[in-house]
């Protein structure tokens, strides 16, 4: 009987220790499962935010490219008009009347407003996503350099006494493409 009691006591103690170990492992498994679920949900949210930021960046980049093209077109048109004005002034004729607001000025103001809006959008996107920050800074720097280079080349090649605002320019039906 004593050996049976000893075996029973040994079995009870081993059963109790295994039961405690299983409970401990179940708690640990439960905590790891909760951690995984939280990290998985955070990962899904981050992926959605990244996709949204990339879509916004694509839209803003497309609008920026459109504005860059428009700016280049306006710079080319301005250079051509300044050259024509220089030729016109060389003939001895100086335009005397000054138009208050030409369509080019209106278009330039609209372009400036849209460009400011795009800059704000781009800054907002880059603040929310630091990975894209360096990319957007590179795009803005290259755009500003190209505009500055075009502007200096236009002013260096055509010096005139009359400001470009006074030059009347015919305007097509829709001066700005649909940007939105």
N, C-alpha and C. Protein backbone atom coordinates (compact mmCIF):
# COMPACT_ATOMS: atom_id res chain seq x y z
N UNK A 1 0.82 -1.19 0.00
CA UNK A 1 0.00 0.00 0.00
C UNK A 1 0.87 1.26 0.00
N UNK A 2 1.96 1.21 0.70
CA UNK A 2 2.81 2.40 0.74
C UNK A 2 3.38 2.72 -0.63
N UNK A 3 3.73 1.68 -1.38
CA UNK A 3 4.25 1.96 -2.72
C UNK A 3 3.14 2.53 -3.61
N UNK A 4 1.92 2.05 -3.41
CA UNK A 4 0.80 2.59 -4.16
C UNK A 4 0.53 4.04 -3.77
N UNK A 5 0.63 4.34 -2.48
CA UNK A 5 0.45 5.72 -2.03
C UNK A 5 1.57 6.62 -2.55
N UNK A 6 2.80 6.10 -2.55
CA UNK A 6 3.92 6.89 -3.08
C UNK A 6 3.75 7.15 -4.58
N UNK A 7 3.33 6.13 -5.30
CA UNK A 7 3.13 6.29 -6.74
C UNK A 7 2.00 7.28 -7.00
N UNK A 8 0.93 7.18 -6.22
CA UNK A 8 -0.20 8.09 -6.37
C UNK A 8 0.21 9.53 -6.04
N UNK A 9 0.99 9.72 -4.99
CA UNK A 9 1.46 11.05 -4.61
C UNK A 9 2.39 11.62 -5.69
N UNK A 10 3.28 10.76 -6.22
CA UNK A 10 4.18 11.20 -7.29
C UNK A 10 3.38 11.60 -8.53
N UNK A 11 2.35 10.77 -8.85
CA UNK A 11 1.53 11.06 -10.03
C UNK A 11 0.74 12.35 -9.82
N UNK A 12 0.20 12.57 -8.63
CA UNK A 12 -0.54 13.80 -8.33
C UNK A 12 0.36 15.03 -8.42
N UNK A 13 1.55 14.94 -7.88
CA UNK A 13 2.47 16.09 -7.93
C UNK A 13 2.91 16.38 -9.36
N UNK A 14 3.20 15.33 -10.13
CA UNK A 14 3.60 15.56 -11.53
C UNK A 14 2.41 16.09 -12.33
N UNK A 15 1.21 15.57 -12.06
CA UNK A 15 0.01 16.06 -12.74
C UNK A 15 -0.23 17.53 -12.41
N UNK A 16 -0.06 17.89 -11.14
CA UNK A 16 -0.26 19.27 -10.71
C UNK A 16 0.78 20.20 -11.34
N UNK A 17 2.03 19.77 -11.39
CA UNK A 17 3.08 20.61 -12.00
C UNK A 17 2.84 20.76 -13.50
N UNK A 18 2.42 19.67 -14.17
CA UNK A 18 2.11 19.77 -15.60
C UNK A 18 0.91 20.68 -15.84
N UNK A 19 -0.09 20.58 -14.98
CA UNK A 19 -1.27 21.43 -15.09
C UNK A 19 -0.89 22.90 -14.94
N UNK A 20 -0.04 23.20 -13.97
CA UNK A 20 0.41 24.59 -13.77
C UNK A 20 1.23 25.07 -14.97
N UNK A 21 2.06 24.21 -15.50
CA UNK A 21 2.88 24.59 -16.65
C UNK A 21 2.01 24.83 -17.88
N UNK A 22 0.99 23.97 -18.06
CA UNK A 22 0.08 24.15 -19.19
C UNK A 22 -0.69 25.46 -19.06
N UNK A 23 -1.16 25.78 -17.85
CA UNK A 23 -1.86 27.06 -17.63
C UNK A 23 -0.95 28.24 -17.95
N UNK A 24 0.29 28.13 -17.50
CA UNK A 24 1.26 29.20 -17.76
C UNK A 24 1.50 29.36 -19.26
N UNK A 25 1.65 28.25 -19.98
CA UNK A 25 1.88 28.30 -21.42
C UNK A 25 0.65 28.82 -22.17
N UNK A 26 -0.55 28.49 -21.69
CA UNK A 26 -1.76 29.01 -22.32
C UNK A 26 -1.86 30.52 -22.16
N UNK A 27 -1.51 31.03 -20.98
CA UNK A 27 -1.51 32.47 -20.77
C UNK A 27 -0.50 33.15 -21.69
N UNK A 28 0.68 32.55 -21.77
CA UNK A 28 1.73 33.12 -22.62
C UNK A 28 1.29 33.09 -24.09
N UNK A 29 0.68 32.00 -24.51
CA UNK A 29 0.18 31.89 -25.88
C UNK A 29 -0.88 32.96 -26.16
N UNK A 30 -1.75 33.15 -25.20
CA UNK A 30 -2.80 34.16 -25.34
C UNK A 30 -2.20 35.56 -25.46
N UNK A 31 -1.20 35.86 -24.64
CA UNK A 31 -0.58 37.19 -24.71
C UNK A 31 0.15 37.39 -26.03
N UNK A 32 0.85 36.35 -26.52
CA UNK A 32 1.54 36.46 -27.81
C UNK A 32 0.54 36.63 -28.95
N UNK A 33 -0.59 35.94 -28.86
CA UNK A 33 -1.62 36.08 -29.88
C UNK A 33 -2.18 37.50 -29.90
N UNK A 34 -2.41 38.08 -28.74
CA UNK A 34 -2.91 39.46 -28.67
C UNK A 34 -1.87 40.43 -29.22
N UNK A 35 -0.61 40.20 -28.88
CA UNK A 35 0.45 41.08 -29.41
C UNK A 35 0.50 41.00 -30.93
N UNK A 36 0.40 39.79 -31.46
CA UNK A 36 0.45 39.62 -32.91
C UNK A 36 -0.73 40.32 -33.57
N UNK A 37 -1.93 40.17 -32.99
CA UNK A 37 -3.11 40.82 -33.55
C UNK A 37 -2.96 42.34 -33.56
N UNK A 38 -2.43 42.89 -32.47
CA UNK A 38 -2.23 44.35 -32.42
C UNK A 38 -1.21 44.80 -33.46
N UNK A 39 -0.10 44.07 -33.56
CA UNK A 39 0.92 44.46 -34.53
C UNK A 39 0.41 44.29 -35.96
N UNK A 40 -0.39 43.25 -36.19
CA UNK A 40 -0.95 43.04 -37.52
C UNK A 40 -1.91 44.17 -37.89
N UNK A 41 -2.75 44.58 -36.95
CA UNK A 41 -3.67 45.70 -37.20
C UNK A 41 -2.89 46.99 -37.46
N UNK A 42 -1.83 47.21 -36.69
CA UNK A 42 -1.00 48.40 -36.91
C UNK A 42 -0.35 48.36 -38.29
N UNK A 43 0.09 47.17 -38.70
CA UNK A 43 0.70 47.02 -40.02
C UNK A 43 -0.31 47.32 -41.12
N UNK A 44 -1.53 46.83 -40.97
CA UNK A 44 -2.57 47.10 -41.97
C UNK A 44 -2.88 48.60 -42.05
N UNK A 45 -2.93 49.27 -40.90
CA UNK A 45 -3.18 50.71 -40.89
C UNK A 45 -2.04 51.46 -41.57
N UNK A 46 -0.80 51.05 -41.28
CA UNK A 46 0.35 51.70 -41.90
C UNK A 46 0.34 51.49 -43.41
N UNK A 47 -0.01 50.29 -43.86
CA UNK A 47 -0.06 50.03 -45.30
C UNK A 47 -1.13 50.89 -45.97
N UNK A 48 -2.28 51.03 -45.31
CA UNK A 48 -3.34 51.88 -45.87
C UNK A 48 -2.89 53.34 -45.92
N UNK A 49 -2.24 53.82 -44.86
CA UNK A 49 -1.73 55.20 -44.85
C UNK A 49 -0.69 55.41 -45.94
N UNK A 50 0.18 54.43 -46.12
CA UNK A 50 1.22 54.54 -47.14
C UNK A 50 0.59 54.60 -48.53
N UNK A 51 -0.39 53.74 -48.77
CA UNK A 51 -1.05 53.74 -50.06
C UNK A 51 -1.75 55.08 -50.31
N UNK A 52 -2.41 55.61 -49.29
CA UNK A 52 -3.09 56.90 -49.42
C UNK A 52 -2.07 58.00 -49.71
N UNK A 53 -0.95 57.99 -48.99
CA UNK A 53 0.09 59.00 -49.22
C UNK A 53 0.66 58.90 -50.62
N UNK A 54 0.87 57.66 -51.10
CA UNK A 54 1.40 57.49 -52.45
C UNK A 54 0.41 57.99 -53.50
N UNK A 55 -0.87 57.76 -53.27
CA UNK A 55 -1.87 58.27 -54.21
C UNK A 55 -1.89 59.79 -54.21
N UNK A 56 -1.84 60.39 -53.02
CA UNK A 56 -1.81 61.86 -52.94
C UNK A 56 -0.55 62.40 -53.60
N UNK A 57 0.58 61.72 -53.38
CA UNK A 57 1.83 62.15 -53.99
C UNK A 57 1.74 62.06 -55.51
N UNK A 58 1.12 61.00 -56.02
CA UNK A 58 0.98 60.86 -57.47
C UNK A 58 0.14 61.99 -58.04
N UNK A 59 -0.95 62.32 -57.37
CA UNK A 59 -1.82 63.41 -57.84
C UNK A 59 -1.06 64.74 -57.81
N UNK A 60 -0.38 65.00 -56.71
CA UNK A 60 0.35 66.27 -56.57
C UNK A 60 1.51 66.33 -57.57
N UNK A 61 2.18 65.20 -57.78
CA UNK A 61 3.28 65.18 -58.75
C UNK A 61 2.76 65.43 -60.16
N UNK A 62 1.61 64.85 -60.48
CA UNK A 62 1.01 65.06 -61.79
C UNK A 62 0.63 66.53 -61.96
N UNK A 63 0.06 67.13 -60.93
CA UNK A 63 -0.30 68.54 -61.00
C UNK A 63 0.95 69.41 -61.10
N UNK A 64 1.99 69.03 -60.37
CA UNK A 64 3.25 69.77 -60.43
C UNK A 64 3.85 69.70 -61.83
N UNK A 65 3.82 68.51 -62.43
CA UNK A 65 4.35 68.37 -63.79
C UNK A 65 3.55 69.22 -64.77
N UNK A 66 2.24 69.26 -64.60
CA UNK A 66 1.40 70.09 -65.47
C UNK A 66 1.75 71.56 -65.29
N UNK A 67 1.92 71.98 -64.05
CA UNK A 67 2.28 73.38 -63.80
C UNK A 67 3.67 73.71 -64.33
N UNK A 68 4.60 72.77 -64.22
CA UNK A 68 5.94 73.00 -64.76
C UNK A 68 5.87 73.20 -66.27
N UNK A 69 5.09 72.36 -66.94
CA UNK A 69 4.92 72.52 -68.38
C UNK A 69 4.29 73.85 -68.73
N UNK A 70 3.27 74.23 -67.97
CA UNK A 70 2.61 75.51 -68.19
C UNK A 70 3.57 76.67 -67.95
N UNK A 71 4.37 76.56 -66.90
CA UNK A 71 5.34 77.62 -66.59
C UNK A 71 6.37 77.74 -67.71
N UNK A 72 6.84 76.59 -68.21
CA UNK A 72 7.81 76.63 -69.31
C UNK A 72 7.18 77.26 -70.56
N UNK A 73 5.94 76.91 -70.82
CA UNK A 73 5.24 77.48 -71.97
C UNK A 73 5.11 78.99 -71.82
N UNK A 74 4.72 79.42 -70.63
CA UNK A 74 4.60 80.86 -70.38
C UNK A 74 5.95 81.56 -70.48
N UNK A 75 7.01 80.93 -69.99
CA UNK A 75 8.35 81.52 -70.09
C UNK A 75 8.77 81.65 -71.56
N UNK A 76 8.48 80.62 -72.35
CA UNK A 76 8.82 80.67 -73.77
C UNK A 76 8.03 81.77 -74.47
N UNK A 77 6.75 81.84 -74.17
CA UNK A 77 5.90 82.88 -74.76
C UNK A 77 6.39 84.26 -74.33
N UNK A 78 6.77 84.39 -73.07
CA UNK A 78 7.28 85.67 -72.57
C UNK A 78 8.56 86.04 -73.31
N UNK A 79 9.46 85.07 -73.47
CA UNK A 79 10.72 85.35 -74.18
C UNK A 79 10.45 85.79 -75.61
N UNK A 80 9.54 85.09 -76.28
CA UNK A 80 9.20 85.47 -77.65
C UNK A 80 8.61 86.87 -77.72
N UNK A 81 7.72 87.17 -76.79
CA UNK A 81 7.10 88.49 -76.79
C UNK A 81 8.12 89.59 -76.46
N UNK A 82 9.04 89.29 -75.55
CA UNK A 82 10.09 90.28 -75.26
C UNK A 82 10.98 90.51 -76.48
N UNK A 83 11.27 89.44 -77.21
CA UNK A 83 12.08 89.59 -78.42
C UNK A 83 11.32 90.42 -79.45
N UNK A 84 10.02 90.15 -79.60
CA UNK A 84 9.22 90.95 -80.54
C UNK A 84 9.17 92.41 -80.11
N UNK A 85 9.05 92.64 -78.81
CA UNK A 85 9.02 94.00 -78.30
C UNK A 85 10.34 94.72 -78.57
N UNK A 86 11.43 93.99 -78.39
CA UNK A 86 12.74 94.60 -78.64
C UNK A 86 12.87 94.97 -80.12
N UNK A 87 12.38 94.10 -80.99
CA UNK A 87 12.41 94.41 -82.42
C UNK A 87 11.50 95.60 -82.72
N UNK A 88 10.35 95.62 -82.08
CA UNK A 88 9.40 96.72 -82.28
C UNK A 88 9.99 98.04 -81.81
N UNK A 89 10.69 98.02 -80.66
CA UNK A 89 11.30 99.25 -80.15
C UNK A 89 12.48 99.68 -80.99
N UNK A 90 13.18 98.73 -81.57
CA UNK A 90 14.31 99.09 -82.43
C UNK A 90 13.82 99.86 -83.66
N UNK A 91 12.59 99.64 -84.05
CA UNK A 91 12.01 100.36 -85.19
C UNK A 91 11.62 101.78 -84.84
N UNK A 92 11.73 102.19 -83.57
CA UNK A 92 11.44 103.55 -83.17
C UNK A 92 10.06 103.72 -82.57
N UNK A 93 9.27 102.71 -82.53
CA UNK A 93 7.93 102.81 -81.96
C UNK A 93 7.95 102.27 -80.54
N UNK A 94 7.40 103.07 -79.64
CA UNK A 94 7.31 102.66 -78.24
C UNK A 94 5.84 102.62 -77.87
N UNK A 95 5.34 101.51 -77.35
CA UNK A 95 3.93 101.48 -76.94
C UNK A 95 3.71 102.44 -75.79
N UNK A 96 2.65 103.26 -75.90
CA UNK A 96 2.43 104.30 -74.90
C UNK A 96 1.37 103.94 -73.88
N UNK A 97 0.37 103.16 -74.25
CA UNK A 97 -0.68 102.87 -73.28
C UNK A 97 -0.35 101.60 -72.50
N UNK A 98 -0.80 101.62 -71.29
CA UNK A 98 -0.50 100.51 -70.39
C UNK A 98 -1.83 99.85 -70.02
N UNK A 99 -1.96 98.57 -70.34
CA UNK A 99 -3.21 97.87 -70.00
C UNK A 99 -3.16 97.48 -68.52
N UNK A 100 -4.26 97.64 -67.80
CA UNK A 100 -4.25 97.40 -66.35
C UNK A 100 -3.96 95.95 -65.98
N UNK A 101 -4.59 95.01 -66.62
CA UNK A 101 -4.36 93.60 -66.28
C UNK A 101 -4.54 92.77 -67.55
N UNK A 102 -3.45 92.26 -68.06
CA UNK A 102 -3.52 91.45 -69.27
C UNK A 102 -3.88 90.02 -68.91
N UNK A 103 -4.31 89.27 -69.89
CA UNK A 103 -4.64 87.86 -69.62
C UNK A 103 -3.43 87.06 -69.12
N UNK A 104 -2.23 87.45 -69.56
CA UNK A 104 -1.04 86.74 -69.08
C UNK A 104 -0.87 86.95 -67.58
N UNK A 105 -1.13 88.20 -67.12
CA UNK A 105 -1.02 88.46 -65.69
C UNK A 105 -2.04 87.64 -64.91
N UNK A 106 -3.27 87.60 -65.43
CA UNK A 106 -4.30 86.80 -64.76
C UNK A 106 -3.90 85.34 -64.71
N UNK A 107 -3.40 84.84 -65.82
CA UNK A 107 -2.97 83.44 -65.89
C UNK A 107 -1.80 83.20 -64.94
N UNK A 108 -0.88 84.15 -64.87
CA UNK A 108 0.26 84.02 -63.96
C UNK A 108 -0.21 84.01 -62.51
N UNK A 109 -1.17 84.88 -62.18
CA UNK A 109 -1.71 84.89 -60.81
C UNK A 109 -2.37 83.57 -60.48
N UNK A 110 -3.15 83.04 -61.44
CA UNK A 110 -3.79 81.74 -61.22
C UNK A 110 -2.74 80.65 -61.03
N UNK A 111 -1.70 80.70 -61.85
CA UNK A 111 -0.63 79.70 -61.73
C UNK A 111 0.05 79.81 -60.37
N UNK A 112 0.28 81.04 -59.92
CA UNK A 112 0.89 81.22 -58.61
C UNK A 112 0.02 80.67 -57.50
N UNK A 113 -1.29 80.92 -57.59
CA UNK A 113 -2.21 80.40 -56.57
C UNK A 113 -2.21 78.88 -56.57
N UNK A 114 -2.29 78.28 -57.75
CA UNK A 114 -2.30 76.82 -57.83
C UNK A 114 -0.97 76.26 -57.34
N UNK A 115 0.13 76.92 -57.70
CA UNK A 115 1.44 76.47 -57.26
C UNK A 115 1.58 76.56 -55.75
N UNK A 116 1.07 77.63 -55.14
CA UNK A 116 1.09 77.74 -53.67
C UNK A 116 0.26 76.63 -53.04
N UNK A 117 -0.90 76.36 -53.62
CA UNK A 117 -1.75 75.27 -53.10
C UNK A 117 -1.02 73.93 -53.20
N UNK A 118 -0.35 73.70 -54.34
CA UNK A 118 0.40 72.45 -54.50
C UNK A 118 1.56 72.36 -53.52
N UNK A 119 2.24 73.49 -53.30
CA UNK A 119 3.32 73.49 -52.32
C UNK A 119 2.81 73.13 -50.93
N UNK A 120 1.65 73.69 -50.56
CA UNK A 120 1.08 73.36 -49.25
C UNK A 120 0.70 71.89 -49.18
N UNK A 121 0.10 71.37 -50.24
CA UNK A 121 -0.27 69.95 -50.26
C UNK A 121 0.96 69.07 -50.17
N UNK A 122 1.99 69.43 -50.92
CA UNK A 122 3.22 68.65 -50.91
C UNK A 122 3.88 68.70 -49.54
N UNK A 123 3.89 69.87 -48.90
CA UNK A 123 4.45 69.97 -47.55
C UNK A 123 3.67 69.13 -46.57
N UNK A 124 2.33 69.13 -46.69
CA UNK A 124 1.49 68.33 -45.80
C UNK A 124 1.79 66.84 -45.98
N UNK A 125 1.92 66.41 -47.23
CA UNK A 125 2.21 65.00 -47.49
C UNK A 125 3.59 64.63 -46.97
N UNK A 126 4.56 65.48 -47.21
CA UNK A 126 5.92 65.16 -46.78
C UNK A 126 6.05 65.19 -45.26
N UNK A 127 5.25 66.03 -44.57
CA UNK A 127 5.28 66.03 -43.11
C UNK A 127 4.69 64.74 -42.57
N UNK A 128 3.65 64.22 -43.23
CA UNK A 128 3.02 62.99 -42.77
C UNK A 128 3.82 61.75 -43.14
N UNK A 129 4.67 61.83 -44.14
CA UNK A 129 5.46 60.68 -44.56
C UNK A 129 6.90 61.12 -44.76
N UNK A 130 7.75 60.93 -43.75
CA UNK A 130 9.13 61.43 -43.84
C UNK A 130 9.95 60.74 -44.93
N UNK A 131 9.55 59.55 -45.38
CA UNK A 131 10.31 58.87 -46.43
C UNK A 131 10.20 59.64 -47.73
N UNK A 132 9.03 60.21 -47.98
CA UNK A 132 8.82 60.95 -49.21
C UNK A 132 9.36 62.37 -49.14
N UNK A 133 9.75 62.82 -47.96
CA UNK A 133 10.20 64.19 -47.75
C UNK A 133 11.40 64.52 -48.64
N UNK A 134 12.41 63.65 -48.67
CA UNK A 134 13.59 63.94 -49.47
C UNK A 134 13.25 63.93 -50.96
N UNK A 135 12.34 63.04 -51.37
CA UNK A 135 11.93 62.98 -52.77
C UNK A 135 11.25 64.27 -53.20
N UNK A 136 10.35 64.76 -52.38
CA UNK A 136 9.64 65.99 -52.73
C UNK A 136 10.58 67.19 -52.71
N UNK A 137 11.53 67.21 -51.76
CA UNK A 137 12.49 68.32 -51.73
C UNK A 137 13.33 68.33 -53.00
N UNK A 138 13.73 67.14 -53.50
CA UNK A 138 14.50 67.06 -54.74
C UNK A 138 13.69 67.58 -55.92
N UNK A 139 12.41 67.21 -55.98
CA UNK A 139 11.55 67.66 -57.08
C UNK A 139 11.41 69.18 -57.04
N UNK A 140 11.14 69.74 -55.85
CA UNK A 140 10.97 71.19 -55.74
C UNK A 140 12.26 71.93 -56.08
N UNK A 141 13.40 71.40 -55.62
CA UNK A 141 14.67 72.06 -55.89
C UNK A 141 14.96 72.07 -57.40
N UNK A 142 14.74 70.94 -58.07
CA UNK A 142 15.01 70.89 -59.51
C UNK A 142 14.05 71.81 -60.27
N UNK A 143 12.79 71.88 -59.81
CA UNK A 143 11.83 72.77 -60.47
C UNK A 143 12.25 74.23 -60.31
N UNK A 144 12.61 74.61 -59.08
CA UNK A 144 13.01 76.00 -58.83
C UNK A 144 14.27 76.35 -59.61
N UNK A 145 15.21 75.40 -59.72
CA UNK A 145 16.43 75.66 -60.49
C UNK A 145 16.10 75.85 -61.97
N UNK A 146 15.20 75.01 -62.51
CA UNK A 146 14.87 75.13 -63.92
C UNK A 146 14.15 76.45 -64.21
N UNK A 147 13.25 76.85 -63.31
CA UNK A 147 12.55 78.12 -63.49
C UNK A 147 13.53 79.28 -63.39
N UNK A 148 14.44 79.23 -62.42
CA UNK A 148 15.42 80.31 -62.27
C UNK A 148 16.34 80.38 -63.50
N UNK A 149 16.74 79.22 -64.01
CA UNK A 149 17.61 79.21 -65.18
C UNK A 149 16.88 79.78 -66.40
N UNK A 150 15.61 79.40 -66.57
CA UNK A 150 14.85 79.93 -67.69
C UNK A 150 14.64 81.44 -67.55
N UNK A 151 14.39 81.88 -66.34
CA UNK A 151 14.14 83.31 -66.10
C UNK A 151 15.40 84.12 -66.36
N UNK A 152 16.56 83.65 -65.88
CA UNK A 152 17.79 84.40 -66.09
C UNK A 152 18.19 84.38 -67.56
N UNK A 153 17.96 83.26 -68.26
CA UNK A 153 18.30 83.24 -69.68
C UNK A 153 17.38 84.15 -70.47
N UNK A 154 16.12 84.23 -70.06
CA UNK A 154 15.18 85.11 -70.77
C UNK A 154 15.53 86.57 -70.54
N UNK A 155 15.90 86.94 -69.32
CA UNK A 155 16.23 88.34 -69.05
C UNK A 155 17.60 88.70 -69.61
N UNK A 156 18.51 87.75 -69.69
CA UNK A 156 19.84 88.04 -70.21
C UNK A 156 19.80 88.25 -71.72
N UNK A 157 18.92 87.52 -72.41
CA UNK A 157 18.88 87.64 -73.86
C UNK A 157 18.03 88.80 -74.32
N UNK A 158 17.04 89.19 -73.53
CA UNK A 158 16.16 90.27 -73.96
C UNK A 158 16.05 91.31 -72.86
N UNK A 159 16.79 92.39 -72.99
CA UNK A 159 16.65 93.51 -72.07
C UNK A 159 15.73 94.53 -72.73
N UNK A 160 14.70 94.93 -72.01
CA UNK A 160 13.80 95.93 -72.58
C UNK A 160 13.41 96.91 -71.49
N UNK A 161 13.02 98.10 -71.91
CA UNK A 161 12.66 99.14 -70.96
C UNK A 161 11.22 99.01 -70.52
N UNK A 162 10.39 98.30 -71.28
CA UNK A 162 8.98 98.18 -70.96
C UNK A 162 8.76 96.87 -70.20
N UNK A 163 8.10 96.92 -69.06
CA UNK A 163 7.85 95.68 -68.33
C UNK A 163 6.94 94.75 -69.12
N UNK A 164 7.08 93.43 -68.93
CA UNK A 164 6.30 92.48 -69.71
C UNK A 164 4.80 92.57 -69.43
N UNK A 165 4.39 93.21 -68.33
CA UNK A 165 2.97 93.31 -68.02
C UNK A 165 2.23 94.20 -69.02
N UNK A 166 2.96 95.09 -69.69
CA UNK A 166 2.30 96.03 -70.59
C UNK A 166 2.12 95.46 -71.99
N UNK A 167 2.59 94.28 -72.24
CA UNK A 167 2.50 93.70 -73.58
C UNK A 167 1.15 93.02 -73.72
N UNK A 168 0.30 93.45 -74.67
CA UNK A 168 -0.98 92.76 -74.87
C UNK A 168 -0.74 91.42 -75.56
N UNK A 169 -1.36 90.38 -75.03
CA UNK A 169 -1.18 89.03 -75.56
C UNK A 169 -2.54 88.43 -75.84
N UNK A 170 -2.75 87.85 -77.04
CA UNK A 170 -4.01 87.16 -77.29
C UNK A 170 -4.06 85.89 -76.45
N UNK A 171 -5.24 85.60 -75.90
CA UNK A 171 -5.39 84.45 -75.01
C UNK A 171 -6.29 83.43 -75.67
N UNK A 172 -5.88 82.15 -75.65
CA UNK A 172 -6.76 81.11 -76.18
C UNK A 172 -7.99 80.95 -75.29
N UNK A 173 -8.96 80.13 -75.74
CA UNK A 173 -10.22 79.98 -75.02
C UNK A 173 -10.02 79.48 -73.60
N UNK A 174 -9.12 78.52 -73.39
CA UNK A 174 -8.88 78.02 -72.03
C UNK A 174 -7.39 78.12 -71.74
N UNK A 175 -6.94 79.15 -71.03
CA UNK A 175 -5.52 79.35 -70.79
C UNK A 175 -4.91 78.31 -69.86
N UNK A 176 -5.70 77.74 -68.96
CA UNK A 176 -5.17 76.76 -68.02
C UNK A 176 -5.79 75.40 -68.29
N UNK A 177 -4.98 74.33 -68.28
CA UNK A 177 -5.56 73.00 -68.39
C UNK A 177 -6.27 72.64 -67.09
N UNK A 178 -7.15 71.68 -67.18
CA UNK A 178 -7.89 71.24 -65.99
C UNK A 178 -6.92 70.51 -65.08
N UNK A 179 -6.60 71.09 -63.92
CA UNK A 179 -5.58 70.54 -63.03
C UNK A 179 -6.15 69.61 -61.98
N UNK A 180 -7.41 69.64 -61.73
CA UNK A 180 -7.97 68.84 -60.65
C UNK A 180 -8.66 67.61 -61.16
